[in-house]
Amino acid sequence: MQESSGGVRVFHGACRIPVRTPFIWRLMATRPERDSRRFPPTARRSAVLVVALGLALGASTVSGRSADAASDARARRAEVRAEQARLAAQVDAMEGTQAEVLAALGVLDQDVRTQQAIVGDLRQRADTSAAEAARAERESEATAREIDQMRARIARIAVESYVSPPGEDLLQRFRAASAQEDATRQALLAIQSRADVDVVDQLRAAKGRLAEQIARAQRARAEAERALAESTVALERLEAARARQRTLASQVRARLDERLADAAYLSQLDAAFGAQIAAEEAALARAVAPIPPPAPGTSTPPTVTRPALTTVGGITVASSIADDTRALLSAAAAAGHRLGGYGYRDINVQIQLRRQNCGTSNYAVWEMPADSCSPPTARPGFSAHERGLAIDFTANGRFLNSRRDPAFVWLSANAGRFGFTNLPSEPWHWSHPG
């Protein structure tokens, strides 16, 4: 046997017939040993992985830019909402009107819901991408095993072709007993050649499929990591939104403790006025009720002891502010304003209301937020009236419920000289530090 540029020349007897071997034999006859030495199966698979990784990185760069742009847009929208919420959180629940406080609660609630939705979407995106990456990795492992099997099959074909070259079979055609036998042998040889070529084509296709699967897994894994990173930032925004909401809710609940106590007391003196206050605060109670209250044991009401009391101008107050109250009433009368009102309230009255509307446990009486009771009921111990340090003023026999009332205008200009300040949400309510 002698090599030539056209293939392998086979010498049989006196005949010199150049036989061109099938493609698969020419391709593999001299390469299996060299390939096995330089690129064992594991190394060959790693090389494919490296190429596919490069493709994946190139593809993921483009898709990454799109994902980054979408992420930036979401971040900008979230920042706008957060800024609106930060502004809403600056509303003073004690001083703001009911409409202002309700609006602020609404903005903060929307901010929390928006941040929750963003966190949920990002976590779902991360889970979906991770699942896609795992699926693509499983497919790539199966394809890699398939490639190893085809490589082994090609190696066997190459060995068999080297040991028994197809040219030897071709020479047998000259020894065929008949034309039919010769045709049969020729057909079998063609089938074998096509099968050999098919194996190579299948190997090439499998390599391409493996590269695509690895790239898909890489893109999905990168997307999952991006979504997780974004969800971490979004979770921080959500916690900030919840903190702002809890802060305002705490202020609103303090307002409820003050105003609902007033409503309960004033309704005994002026049913319509008391009902009006109760209805306004009930709307705030409904708005704040879904916001989780502090855990039991974290809120301790102030200790209230019955103070020494003095009645001045029909108003019972703590003796420590009696002189200032007397001076205020005298100055108002001199200016033409006949002030009256109600000062001290017994804390036991509020305790009884809590037992009736909230429950009899220590938590129900002392800690449960007013909005958790039915109807909403102020906690005992939080009203300055229970220490004799607040007065709900009347002017000319009517509660001072308008800032336009001349008596309120006079108090706004003069009460500070006597140590009294107004609770802005209640024109009639004035307190003294004692």
Protein backbone atom coordinates (compact mmCIF):
# COMPACT_ATOMS: atom_id res chain seq x y z
CA MET A 1 0.00 0.00 0.00
CA GLN A 2 1.34 3.44 -0.96
CA GLU A 3 0.14 6.96 -0.03
CA SER A 4 -0.53 9.46 -2.82
CA SER A 5 -2.04 12.94 -3.00
CA GLY A 6 -5.28 11.46 -4.34
CA GLY A 7 -5.79 9.08 -1.47
CA VAL A 8 -4.41 5.55 -0.99
CA ARG A 9 -3.05 3.44 -3.84
CA VAL A 10 -3.73 -0.23 -3.30
CA PHE A 11 -1.61 -2.81 -5.15
CA HIS A 12 -3.25 -6.15 -5.76
CA GLY A 13 -1.46 -8.57 -7.92
CA ALA A 14 -0.44 -6.91 -11.16
CA CYS A 15 -3.25 -4.39 -10.98
CA ARG A 16 -2.50 -0.80 -9.90
CA ILE A 17 -5.86 0.78 -9.18
CA PRO A 18 -6.01 4.13 -7.30
CA VAL A 19 -8.87 3.92 -4.81
CA ARG A 20 -10.25 7.15 -3.32
CA THR A 21 -11.34 6.29 0.26
CA PRO A 22 -14.64 7.58 1.74
CA PHE A 23 -14.65 11.03 3.36
CA ILE A 24 -14.93 9.81 6.93
CA TRP A 25 -11.94 7.55 6.61
CA ARG A 26 -9.82 10.28 5.04
CA LEU A 27 -10.94 12.68 7.74
CA MET A 28 -10.25 10.46 10.70
CA ALA A 29 -7.71 7.86 9.64
CA THR A 30 -4.68 9.82 10.74
CA ARG A 31 -6.30 12.15 13.31
CA PRO A 32 -7.80 10.13 16.20
CA GLU A 33 -4.48 9.44 17.87
CA ARG A 34 -3.33 13.06 17.50
CA ASP A 35 -6.67 14.46 18.71
CA SER A 36 -6.71 12.11 21.66
CA ARG A 37 -3.26 13.17 22.69
CA ARG A 38 -3.81 16.88 22.36
CA PHE A 39 -7.49 17.14 23.24
CA PRO A 40 -8.83 14.40 25.48
CA PRO A 41 -12.68 14.36 25.81
CA THR A 42 -12.72 16.57 28.89
CA ALA A 43 -10.38 19.12 27.37
CA ARG A 44 -12.32 19.16 24.09
CA ARG A 45 -15.55 19.80 25.98
CA SER A 46 -13.86 22.60 27.93
CA ALA A 47 -12.73 24.19 24.70
CA VAL A 48 -16.30 24.16 23.43
CA LEU A 49 -17.40 25.70 26.73
CA VAL A 50 -14.84 28.47 26.42
CA VAL A 51 -15.98 29.32 22.87
CA ALA A 52 -19.63 29.18 23.90
CA LEU A 53 -18.87 31.32 26.94
CA GLY A 54 -17.35 33.95 24.70
CA LEU A 55 -20.47 33.92 22.52
CA ALA A 56 -22.65 34.06 25.59
CA LEU A 57 -20.78 37.01 26.98
CA GLY A 58 -21.12 38.83 23.67
CA ALA A 59 -24.84 38.12 23.50
CA SER A 60 -25.40 38.90 27.16
CA THR A 61 -23.66 42.24 26.72
CA VAL A 62 -26.38 43.33 24.30
CA SER A 63 -29.24 41.86 26.33
CA GLY A 64 -27.57 43.18 29.49
CA ARG A 65 -27.67 46.71 28.12
CA SER A 66 -31.41 46.35 27.49
CA ALA A 67 -31.96 44.90 30.96
CA ASP A 68 -29.85 47.66 32.50
CA ALA A 69 -31.92 50.32 30.71
CA ALA A 70 -35.15 48.75 32.00
CA SER A 71 -33.64 48.51 35.47
CA ASP A 72 -32.62 52.18 35.37
CA ALA A 73 -36.14 53.18 34.34
CA ARG A 74 -37.64 51.18 37.21
CA ALA A 75 -35.15 52.70 39.63
CA ARG A 76 -36.03 56.22 38.48
CA ARG A 77 -39.75 55.56 38.87
CA ALA A 78 -39.20 54.06 42.30
CA GLU A 79 -37.12 57.08 43.32
CA VAL A 80 -39.87 59.48 42.21
CA ARG A 81 -42.43 57.54 44.25
CA ALA A 82 -40.08 57.44 47.22
CA GLU A 83 -39.56 61.21 47.00
CA GLN A 84 -43.32 61.75 46.99
CA ALA A 85 -43.55 59.49 50.02
CA ARG A 86 -40.76 61.38 51.80
CA LEU A 87 -42.69 64.60 51.29
CA ALA A 88 -45.91 62.97 52.51
CA ALA A 89 -44.09 61.70 55.60
CA GLN A 90 -43.35 65.33 56.58
CA VAL A 91 -47.03 66.01 57.21
CA ASP A 92 -47.58 66.62 60.91
CA ALA A 93 -50.41 64.33 61.92
CA MET A 94 -51.13 66.39 65.02
CA GLU A 95 -51.30 69.71 63.19
CA GLY A 96 -52.53 68.74 59.72
CA THR A 97 -56.13 68.70 58.66
CA GLN A 98 -57.95 65.45 58.27
CA ALA A 99 -57.71 65.76 54.47
CA GLU A 100 -53.94 66.38 54.60
CA VAL A 101 -53.31 63.43 56.89
CA LEU A 102 -55.53 61.11 54.84
CA ALA A 103 -53.76 62.17 51.66
CA ALA A 104 -50.34 61.55 53.24
CA LEU A 105 -51.42 58.10 54.43
CA GLY A 106 -52.65 57.33 50.91
CA VAL A 107 -49.33 58.33 49.31
CA LEU A 108 -47.34 56.27 51.81
CA ASP A 109 -49.62 53.27 51.32
CA GLN A 110 -49.19 53.50 47.54
CA ASP A 111 -45.43 53.74 47.96
CA VAL A 112 -45.38 50.58 50.09
CA ARG A 113 -47.58 48.73 47.60
CA THR A 114 -45.41 49.84 44.69
CA GLN A 115 -42.21 48.74 46.40
CA GLN A 116 -43.81 45.41 47.33
CA ALA A 117 -44.80 44.85 43.71
CA ILE A 118 -41.28 45.69 42.51
CA VAL A 119 -39.70 43.27 44.99
CA GLY A 120 -42.18 40.56 44.01
CA ASP A 121 -41.56 41.05 40.27
CA LEU A 122 -37.79 40.99 40.70
CA ARG A 123 -37.86 37.85 42.80
CA GLN A 124 -40.11 36.15 40.26
CA ARG A 125 -37.78 37.24 37.46
CA ALA A 126 -34.80 35.87 39.39
CA ASP A 127 -36.57 32.55 40.00
CA THR A 128 -37.67 32.24 36.37
CA SER A 129 -34.18 33.04 35.07
CA ALA A 130 -32.56 30.62 37.52
CA ALA A 131 -34.94 27.88 36.40
CA GLU A 132 -34.16 28.65 32.75
CA ALA A 133 -30.42 28.53 33.49
CA ALA A 134 -30.77 25.17 35.25
CA ARG A 135 -32.79 23.79 32.34
CA ALA A 136 -30.23 24.97 29.78
CA GLU A 137 -27.39 23.53 31.88
CA ARG A 138 -29.12 20.14 32.04
CA GLU A 139 -29.62 20.23 28.28
CA SER A 140 -25.97 21.15 27.72
CA GLU A 141 -24.83 18.26 29.93
CA ALA A 142 -26.98 15.86 27.91
CA THR A 143 -25.60 17.27 24.64
CA ALA A 144 -22.03 16.97 25.95
CA ARG A 145 -22.65 13.29 26.70
CA GLU A 146 -24.10 12.87 23.21
CA ILE A 147 -21.00 14.49 21.70
CA ASP A 148 -18.74 12.12 23.67
CA GLN A 149 -20.73 9.16 22.34
CA MET A 150 -20.44 10.42 18.74
CA ARG A 151 -16.71 11.03 19.17
CA ALA A 152 -16.33 7.48 20.40
CA ARG A 153 -18.34 6.21 17.43
CA ILE A 154 -16.20 8.22 14.98
CA ALA A 155 -13.07 6.85 16.63
CA ARG A 156 -14.35 3.29 16.17
CA ILE A 157 -15.16 3.99 12.51
CA ALA A 158 -11.69 5.40 11.97
CA VAL A 159 -10.06 2.37 13.56
CA GLU A 160 -12.20 -0.03 11.55
CA SER A 161 -11.45 1.89 8.35
CA TYR A 162 -7.73 1.76 9.08
CA VAL A 163 -7.76 -1.96 9.80
CA SER A 164 -10.08 -2.85 6.90
CA PRO A 165 -9.94 -0.01 4.36
CA PRO A 166 -13.01 0.31 2.19
CA GLY A 167 -10.73 -0.06 -0.83
CA GLU A 168 -10.27 -3.76 0.00
CA ASP A 169 -14.04 -4.20 -0.27
CA LEU A 170 -13.98 -2.38 -3.56
CA LEU A 171 -11.37 -4.80 -4.92
CA GLN A 172 -13.71 -7.65 -4.14
CA ARG A 173 -16.00 -6.27 -6.84
CA PHE A 174 -13.54 -7.57 -9.44
CA ARG A 175 -14.03 -11.00 -7.98
CA ALA A 176 -17.82 -10.82 -7.98
CA ALA A 177 -19.49 -13.90 -9.37
CA SER A 178 -22.23 -11.85 -11.01
CA ALA A 179 -23.30 -8.30 -11.82
CA GLN A 180 -26.04 -8.52 -9.18
CA GLU A 181 -23.53 -9.39 -6.48
CA ASP A 182 -21.33 -6.54 -7.64
CA ALA A 183 -24.27 -4.06 -7.46
CA THR A 184 -25.21 -5.21 -3.98
CA ARG A 185 -21.68 -4.76 -2.69
CA GLN A 186 -21.47 -1.32 -4.27
CA ALA A 187 -24.76 -0.24 -2.63
CA LEU A 188 -23.64 -1.43 0.80
CA LEU A 189 -20.39 0.46 0.45
CA ALA A 190 -22.29 3.67 -0.48
CA ILE A 191 -24.60 3.25 2.51
CA GLN A 192 -21.63 2.91 4.84
CA SER A 193 -20.01 6.02 3.38
CA ARG A 194 -23.18 8.07 3.82
CA ALA A 195 -23.58 6.82 7.40
CA ASP A 196 -20.00 7.85 8.16
CA VAL A 197 -20.60 11.33 6.78
CA ASP A 198 -23.89 11.59 8.73
CA VAL A 199 -22.05 10.98 11.99
CA VAL A 200 -19.72 13.89 11.30
CA ASP A 201 -22.66 16.14 10.40
CA GLN A 202 -24.44 15.13 13.59
CA LEU A 203 -21.32 15.92 15.60
CA ARG A 204 -21.10 19.39 14.08
CA ALA A 205 -24.78 20.03 14.77
CA ALA A 206 -24.40 18.83 18.38
CA LYS A 207 -21.45 21.16 18.90
CA GLY A 208 -23.52 24.10 17.67
CA ARG A 209 -26.41 23.06 19.88
CA LEU A 210 -24.09 22.78 22.89
CA ALA A 211 -22.72 26.28 22.29
CA GLU A 212 -26.25 27.68 22.10
CA GLN A 213 -27.31 25.89 25.29
CA ILE A 214 -24.28 27.11 27.22
CA ALA A 215 -24.85 30.67 25.99
CA ARG A 216 -28.51 30.47 26.98
CA ALA A 217 -27.59 29.19 30.45
CA GLN A 218 -25.03 31.96 30.84
CA ARG A 219 -27.51 34.66 29.84
CA ALA A 220 -30.20 33.27 32.16
CA ARG A 221 -27.77 32.98 35.06
CA ALA A 222 -26.59 36.58 34.54
CA GLU A 223 -30.21 37.76 34.39
CA ALA A 224 -30.99 35.93 37.63
CA GLU A 225 -28.03 37.59 39.34
CA ARG A 226 -29.08 41.03 38.07
CA ALA A 227 -32.64 40.49 39.30
CA LEU A 228 -31.39 39.39 42.72
CA ALA A 229 -29.12 42.43 42.99
CA GLU A 230 -31.99 44.73 42.01
CA SER A 231 -34.32 42.98 44.46
CA THR A 232 -31.86 43.68 47.29
CA VAL A 233 -31.99 47.41 46.50
CA ALA A 234 -35.77 47.25 46.08
CA LEU A 235 -36.11 45.51 49.44
CA GLU A 236 -34.18 48.34 51.09
CA ARG A 237 -36.57 50.82 49.47
CA LEU A 238 -39.51 48.77 50.70
CA GLU A 239 -38.19 48.80 54.26
CA ALA A 240 -37.68 52.57 54.03
CA ALA A 241 -41.24 52.98 52.74
CA ARG A 242 -42.60 50.87 55.58
CA ALA A 243 -40.59 52.86 58.12
CA ARG A 244 -42.04 56.13 56.81
CA GLN A 245 -45.52 54.63 56.94
CA ARG A 246 -45.04 53.37 60.50
CA THR A 247 -43.74 56.76 61.63
CA LEU A 248 -46.76 58.62 60.31
CA ALA A 249 -49.08 55.89 61.62
CA SER A 250 -47.58 56.39 65.08
CA GLN A 251 -48.32 60.10 64.89
CA VAL A 252 -51.85 59.46 63.66
CA ARG A 253 -52.45 57.07 66.54
CA ALA A 254 -51.22 59.69 69.00
CA ARG A 255 -53.68 62.10 67.43
CA LEU A 256 -56.45 59.54 67.81
CA ASP A 257 -55.60 59.12 71.47
CA GLU A 258 -56.01 62.86 71.95
CA ARG A 259 -58.99 63.62 69.75
CA LEU A 260 -61.05 60.50 70.42
CA ALA A 261 -60.76 61.15 74.13
CA ASP A 262 -62.05 64.66 73.44
CA ALA A 263 -64.88 63.32 71.29
CA ALA A 264 -65.99 60.88 73.98
CA TYR A 265 -66.04 63.59 76.60
CA LEU A 266 -67.47 66.40 74.51
CA SER A 267 -70.30 64.24 73.22
CA GLN A 268 -71.66 64.24 76.77
CA LEU A 269 -71.81 68.04 76.63
CA ASP A 270 -72.60 68.64 72.96
CA ALA A 271 -73.77 65.46 71.22
CA ALA A 272 -73.60 66.88 67.68
CA PHE A 273 -70.12 68.34 68.16
CA GLY A 274 -68.79 65.17 69.76
CA ALA A 275 -70.26 63.05 66.94
CA GLN A 276 -68.64 65.30 64.33
CA ILE A 277 -65.19 64.87 65.90
CA ALA A 278 -65.69 61.12 66.28
CA ALA A 279 -66.70 60.75 62.60
CA GLU A 280 -63.65 62.69 61.40
CA GLU A 281 -61.25 60.64 63.48
CA ALA A 282 -62.98 57.38 62.54
CA ALA A 283 -61.93 58.03 58.94
CA LEU A 284 -58.31 58.35 60.08
CA ALA A 285 -58.68 55.24 62.22
CA ARG A 286 -59.86 53.26 59.17
CA ALA A 287 -56.96 54.55 57.09
CA VAL A 288 -54.33 53.63 59.67
CA ALA A 289 -55.84 50.32 60.81
CA PRO A 290 -54.13 48.14 58.10
CA ILE A 291 -50.69 49.39 59.20
CA PRO A 292 -49.23 46.92 61.72
CA PRO A 293 -49.13 48.41 65.24
CA PRO A 294 -46.13 48.11 67.56
CA ALA A 295 -45.68 44.68 69.09
CA PRO A 296 -47.23 44.12 72.53
CA GLY A 297 -44.96 45.29 75.31
CA THR A 298 -43.22 47.95 73.20
CA SER A 299 -45.66 50.75 74.07
CA THR A 300 -45.99 51.81 77.66
CA PRO A 301 -48.50 54.53 78.55
CA PRO A 302 -47.29 57.29 80.83
CA THR A 303 -47.99 56.93 84.52
CA VAL A 304 -50.84 59.24 85.49
CA THR A 305 -51.53 60.15 89.08
CA ARG A 306 -54.40 62.33 90.16
CA PRO A 307 -52.99 65.85 90.53
CA ALA A 308 -53.95 68.48 93.06
CA LEU A 309 -56.90 70.26 91.46
CA THR A 310 -58.22 73.82 91.51
CA THR A 311 -61.37 75.15 89.87
CA VAL A 312 -60.97 78.55 88.17
CA GLY A 313 -63.91 80.24 86.44
CA GLY A 314 -65.78 76.94 86.41
CA ILE A 315 -62.84 75.08 84.84
CA THR A 316 -61.07 72.43 86.94
CA VAL A 317 -57.33 72.28 86.26
CA ALA A 318 -54.17 71.12 87.98
CA SER A 319 -53.32 73.49 90.79
CA SER A 320 -49.90 74.08 89.18
CA ILE A 321 -51.53 76.03 86.31
CA ALA A 322 -54.41 77.63 88.24
CA ASP A 323 -52.80 81.08 88.40
CA ASP A 324 -52.01 81.15 84.67
CA THR A 325 -55.56 80.01 83.88
CA ARG A 326 -57.05 82.72 86.07
CA ALA A 327 -54.89 85.41 84.44
CA LEU A 328 -55.81 84.18 80.96
CA LEU A 329 -59.56 84.22 81.68
CA SER A 330 -59.29 87.74 83.14
CA ALA A 331 -57.36 89.08 80.14
CA ALA A 332 -59.84 87.51 77.73
CA ALA A 333 -62.80 89.01 79.58
CA ALA A 334 -61.15 92.43 79.48
CA ALA A 335 -60.87 92.01 75.69
CA GLY A 336 -64.55 91.14 75.46
CA HIS A 337 -64.32 87.35 75.23
CA ARG A 338 -66.22 85.27 77.77
CA LEU A 339 -64.29 82.02 77.92
CA GLY A 340 -65.36 78.83 79.66
CA GLY A 341 -64.52 75.19 79.15
CA TYR A 342 -63.59 71.85 80.56
CA GLY A 343 -60.23 70.83 81.97
CA TYR A 344 -59.45 67.82 84.11
CA ARG A 345 -60.83 64.38 83.21
CA ASP A 346 -60.67 61.31 85.41
CA ILE A 347 -58.52 58.62 83.75
CA ASN A 348 -60.84 55.94 85.09
CA VAL A 349 -63.57 57.14 82.72
CA GLN A 350 -61.29 56.38 79.76
CA ILE A 351 -60.24 53.03 81.25
CA GLN A 352 -63.87 52.03 81.46
CA LEU A 353 -64.44 53.00 77.82
CA ARG A 354 -61.45 50.91 76.79
CA ARG A 355 -62.75 47.88 78.65
CA GLN A 356 -66.06 48.36 76.90
CA ASN A 357 -64.75 48.91 73.36
CA CYS A 358 -61.36 47.21 73.23
CA GLY A 359 -61.23 44.31 75.71
CA THR A 360 -60.35 43.62 79.29
CA SER A 361 -56.73 42.42 78.99
CA ASN A 362 -53.87 44.72 79.97
CA TYR A 363 -52.88 44.93 76.31
CA ALA A 364 -56.44 45.81 75.24
CA VAL A 365 -56.79 48.51 77.89
CA TRP A 366 -53.34 50.12 77.79
CA GLU A 367 -51.54 49.29 74.53
CA MET A 368 -53.95 48.36 71.75
CA PRO A 369 -54.09 51.19 69.18
CA ALA A 370 -57.28 53.20 69.21
CA ASP A 371 -57.99 52.11 65.62
CA SER A 372 -58.08 48.46 66.71
CA CYS A 373 -61.07 49.05 68.98
CA SER A 374 -64.71 49.13 67.95
CA PRO A 375 -65.54 51.92 67.92
CA PRO A 376 -62.07 53.51 67.91
CA THR A 377 -61.24 54.49 71.48
CA ALA A 378 -58.30 56.50 72.82
CA ARG A 379 -55.78 54.88 75.13
CA PRO A 380 -55.89 56.09 78.72
CA GLY A 381 -52.95 58.08 80.01
CA PHE A 382 -52.13 59.95 76.80
CA SER A 383 -54.36 62.98 77.22
CA ALA A 384 -53.12 66.12 78.92
CA HIS A 385 -56.67 66.45 80.32
CA GLU A 386 -55.99 63.46 82.60
CA ARG A 387 -53.18 65.47 84.23
CA GLY A 388 -55.27 68.63 84.44
CA LEU A 389 -52.95 70.39 81.97
CA ALA A 390 -55.38 71.00 79.09
CA ILE A 391 -58.58 72.96 78.55
CA ASP A 392 -61.24 72.62 75.85
CA PHE A 393 -62.44 76.20 75.60
CA THR A 394 -65.90 77.51 74.89
CA ALA A 395 -66.64 81.06 73.83
CA ASN A 396 -69.98 82.57 74.75
CA GLY A 397 -71.26 79.10 75.66
CA ARG A 398 -70.22 77.32 72.41
CA PHE A 399 -67.20 75.16 71.77
CA LEU A 400 -64.46 77.03 69.99
CA ASN A 401 -64.47 74.99 66.79
CA SER A 402 -63.49 77.63 64.22
CA ARG A 403 -60.19 79.41 63.69
CA ARG A 404 -62.13 82.38 62.39
CA ASP A 405 -63.91 82.86 65.70
CA PRO A 406 -62.75 86.17 67.28
CA ALA A 407 -62.06 84.38 70.57
CA PHE A 408 -59.71 81.96 68.78
CA VAL A 409 -57.94 84.84 67.06
CA TRP A 410 -57.45 86.52 70.44
CA LEU A 411 -56.16 83.30 72.02
CA SER A 412 -53.73 82.78 69.14
CA ALA A 413 -52.28 86.21 69.78
CA ASN A 414 -52.28 86.18 73.59
CA ALA A 415 -52.49 82.69 75.12
CA GLY A 416 -48.74 82.17 74.80
CA ARG A 417 -48.17 84.92 77.39
CA PHE A 418 -49.86 82.67 79.94
CA GLY A 419 -48.11 79.43 78.91
CA PHE A 420 -50.91 77.96 76.77
CA THR A 421 -50.41 76.53 73.27
CA ASN A 422 -52.96 75.25 70.79
CA LEU A 423 -53.26 71.78 69.27
CA PRO A 424 -53.67 72.92 65.64
CA SER A 425 -56.01 70.12 64.66
CA GLU A 426 -58.38 71.19 67.49
CA PRO A 427 -59.10 74.94 67.74
CA TRP A 428 -60.72 74.42 71.14
CA HIS A 429 -57.86 72.45 72.71
CA TRP A 430 -55.16 74.40 74.59
CA SER A 431 -52.53 72.87 76.85
CA HIS A 432 -50.04 74.04 79.43
CA PRO A 433 -46.68 72.36 80.29
CA GLY A 434 -47.48 72.58 84.01
